[in-house]
Amino acid sequence: MAAEADNDSHGLCPSPNFIAAINLLQEKWSMVIVLCLLNSQLGFNEMARRASPVNATTLAQRLVQLERAGVLVKTVHSTMPPRTSYALTEAGLALAPVLEAISDWAERYPLHPAAACQAAEALASGISSD
């Protein structure tokens, strides 16, 4: 019993908040969506182009999840036709150093060089079209 309390006091057991965050962020494409929104708000179609190869259904699902979690905010513009845009909240912007750390780690310890190159090229072709 004392050993269990000792583990908790040293941070060895993840908190419920940590587990909830990991469950959200581990969803396929969630971090790519956050990365796409780091520099500016985007509409759905532009997001789909930049987050390629994510399909529209998955993109829509992840956007809803991230909005519910408070990572991003959805704005519906009263234009004809109606336009929707997405922007990161303070919580979403706070993920920037996390993404930078993952990027640094991935560059230092590449998992599959050929696959990493293909993924980077696909992502760059969608992001560099500013």
Protein backbone atom coordinates (compact mmCIF):
# COMPACT_ATOMS: atom_id res chain seq x y z
CA MET A 1 0.00 0.00 0.00
CA ALA A 2 2.82 2.41 0.88
CA ALA A 3 4.57 1.56 -2.40
CA GLU A 4 1.45 2.51 -4.38
CA ALA A 5 1.21 5.88 -2.65
CA ASP A 6 4.95 6.40 -3.24
CA ASN A 7 4.52 5.73 -6.99
CA ASP A 8 1.72 8.28 -7.21
CA SER A 9 3.77 10.93 -5.41
CA HIS A 10 6.62 10.54 -7.91
CA GLY A 11 4.38 10.90 -10.95
CA LEU A 12 4.78 7.30 -12.13
CA CYS A 13 1.03 6.76 -12.43
CA PRO A 14 -0.63 8.98 -15.04
CA SER A 15 -3.42 11.24 -13.89
CA PRO A 16 -6.92 10.95 -15.35
CA ASN A 17 -6.31 14.25 -17.17
CA PHE A 18 -3.17 12.84 -18.77
CA ILE A 19 -5.04 9.73 -19.91
CA ALA A 20 -7.88 11.86 -21.35
CA ALA A 21 -5.38 14.05 -23.24
CA ILE A 22 -3.55 11.04 -24.68
CA ASN A 23 -6.86 9.44 -25.71
CA LEU A 24 -7.81 12.61 -27.59
CA LEU A 25 -4.44 13.32 -29.19
CA GLN A 26 -3.71 9.73 -30.20
CA GLU A 27 -6.71 9.71 -32.53
CA LYS A 28 -5.49 9.39 -36.10
CA TRP A 29 -4.88 12.79 -37.74
CA SER A 30 -5.64 14.88 -34.62
CA MET A 31 -2.11 16.19 -34.27
CA VAL A 32 -1.85 16.85 -38.02
CA ILE A 33 -5.01 18.96 -37.79
CA VAL A 34 -3.57 20.94 -34.88
CA LEU A 35 -0.34 21.41 -36.84
CA CYS A 36 -2.28 22.75 -39.83
CA LEU A 37 -4.07 25.28 -37.62
CA LEU A 38 -1.00 26.56 -35.77
CA ASN A 39 -0.40 29.47 -38.15
CA SER A 40 -3.92 30.53 -39.10
CA GLN A 41 -7.58 29.66 -39.07
CA LEU A 42 -8.72 27.55 -42.00
CA GLY A 43 -11.93 26.60 -43.69
CA PHE A 44 -12.92 22.96 -44.03
CA ASN A 45 -11.83 22.60 -47.67
CA GLU A 46 -8.46 24.25 -47.10
CA MET A 47 -7.97 22.06 -44.04
CA ALA A 48 -8.76 18.98 -46.13
CA ARG A 49 -6.13 20.01 -48.68
CA ARG A 50 -3.46 20.69 -46.08
CA ALA A 51 -4.19 17.61 -43.96
CA SER A 52 -4.10 15.29 -46.97
CA PRO A 53 -4.42 12.26 -47.10
CA VAL A 54 -7.11 12.38 -44.39
CA ASN A 55 -10.56 11.78 -45.87
CA ALA A 56 -13.41 14.26 -45.38
CA THR A 57 -15.42 12.02 -43.03
CA THR A 58 -12.49 11.43 -40.69
CA LEU A 59 -11.55 15.11 -40.83
CA ALA A 60 -15.08 16.12 -39.85
CA GLN A 61 -15.09 13.62 -36.97
CA ARG A 62 -11.72 14.82 -35.64
CA LEU A 63 -12.77 18.47 -35.89
CA VAL A 64 -15.86 17.73 -33.79
CA GLN A 65 -13.76 15.84 -31.21
CA LEU A 66 -11.18 18.61 -30.99
CA GLU A 67 -13.91 21.26 -30.71
CA ARG A 68 -15.68 19.37 -27.91
CA ALA A 69 -12.37 19.06 -26.08
CA GLY A 70 -11.75 22.81 -26.32
CA VAL A 71 -8.71 22.49 -28.58
CA LEU A 72 -10.29 24.43 -31.44
CA VAL A 73 -13.26 26.65 -32.12
CA LYS A 74 -15.58 26.46 -35.10
CA THR A 75 -16.99 29.67 -36.58
CA VAL A 76 -19.89 29.64 -39.04
CA HIS A 77 -19.76 32.77 -41.21
CA SER A 78 -23.03 34.22 -42.42
CA THR A 79 -22.08 34.39 -46.09
CA MET A 80 -23.63 32.89 -49.17
CA PRO A 81 -22.80 30.11 -49.44
CA PRO A 82 -22.22 29.63 -45.70
CA ARG A 83 -18.57 29.22 -44.78
CA THR A 84 -17.10 27.50 -41.74
CA SER A 85 -13.64 28.15 -40.33
CA TYR A 86 -11.63 26.56 -37.55
CA ALA A 87 -9.03 28.12 -35.25
CA LEU A 88 -7.06 26.88 -32.27
CA THR A 89 -8.02 27.96 -28.78
CA GLU A 90 -5.47 28.79 -26.10
CA ALA A 91 -5.42 25.06 -25.26
CA GLY A 92 -4.76 24.19 -28.90
CA LEU A 93 -1.99 26.75 -29.24
CA ALA A 94 -0.39 25.32 -26.10
CA LEU A 95 0.27 22.14 -28.10
CA ALA A 96 2.87 23.94 -30.26
CA PRO A 97 5.85 22.97 -28.04
CA VAL A 98 4.53 19.39 -27.88
CA LEU A 99 4.47 19.19 -31.67
CA GLU A 100 7.93 20.75 -31.84
CA ALA A 101 9.25 18.15 -29.38
CA ILE A 102 7.68 15.33 -31.42
CA SER A 103 9.19 16.79 -34.60
CA ASP A 104 12.63 16.98 -32.99
CA TRP A 105 12.32 13.42 -31.70
CA ALA A 106 11.16 12.14 -35.10
CA GLU A 107 14.13 13.79 -36.83
CA ARG A 108 16.56 12.37 -34.30
CA TYR A 109 15.08 8.86 -34.25
CA PRO A 110 13.43 8.15 -37.61
CA LEU A 111 11.24 5.05 -37.44
CA HIS A 112 10.98 4.14 -41.12
CA PRO A 113 12.98 6.52 -43.31
CA ALA A 114 11.22 5.72 -46.61
CA ALA A 115 7.73 6.00 -45.10
CA ALA A 116 8.73 9.17 -43.24
CA CYS A 117 9.91 10.78 -46.47
CA GLN A 118 6.68 9.92 -48.28
CA ALA A 119 4.55 11.22 -45.41
CA ALA A 120 6.59 14.43 -45.16
CA GLU A 121 6.33 15.04 -48.91
CA ALA A 122 2.56 14.51 -48.84
CA LEU A 123 2.16 16.82 -45.87
CA ALA A 124 4.51 19.47 -47.32
CA SER A 125 2.68 19.54 -50.63
CA GLY A 126 -0.54 20.34 -48.78
CA ILE A 127 0.95 22.84 -46.33
CA SER A 128 3.28 24.79 -48.61
CA SER A 129 0.43 26.02 -50.83
CA ASP A 130 -0.09 29.18 -48.73
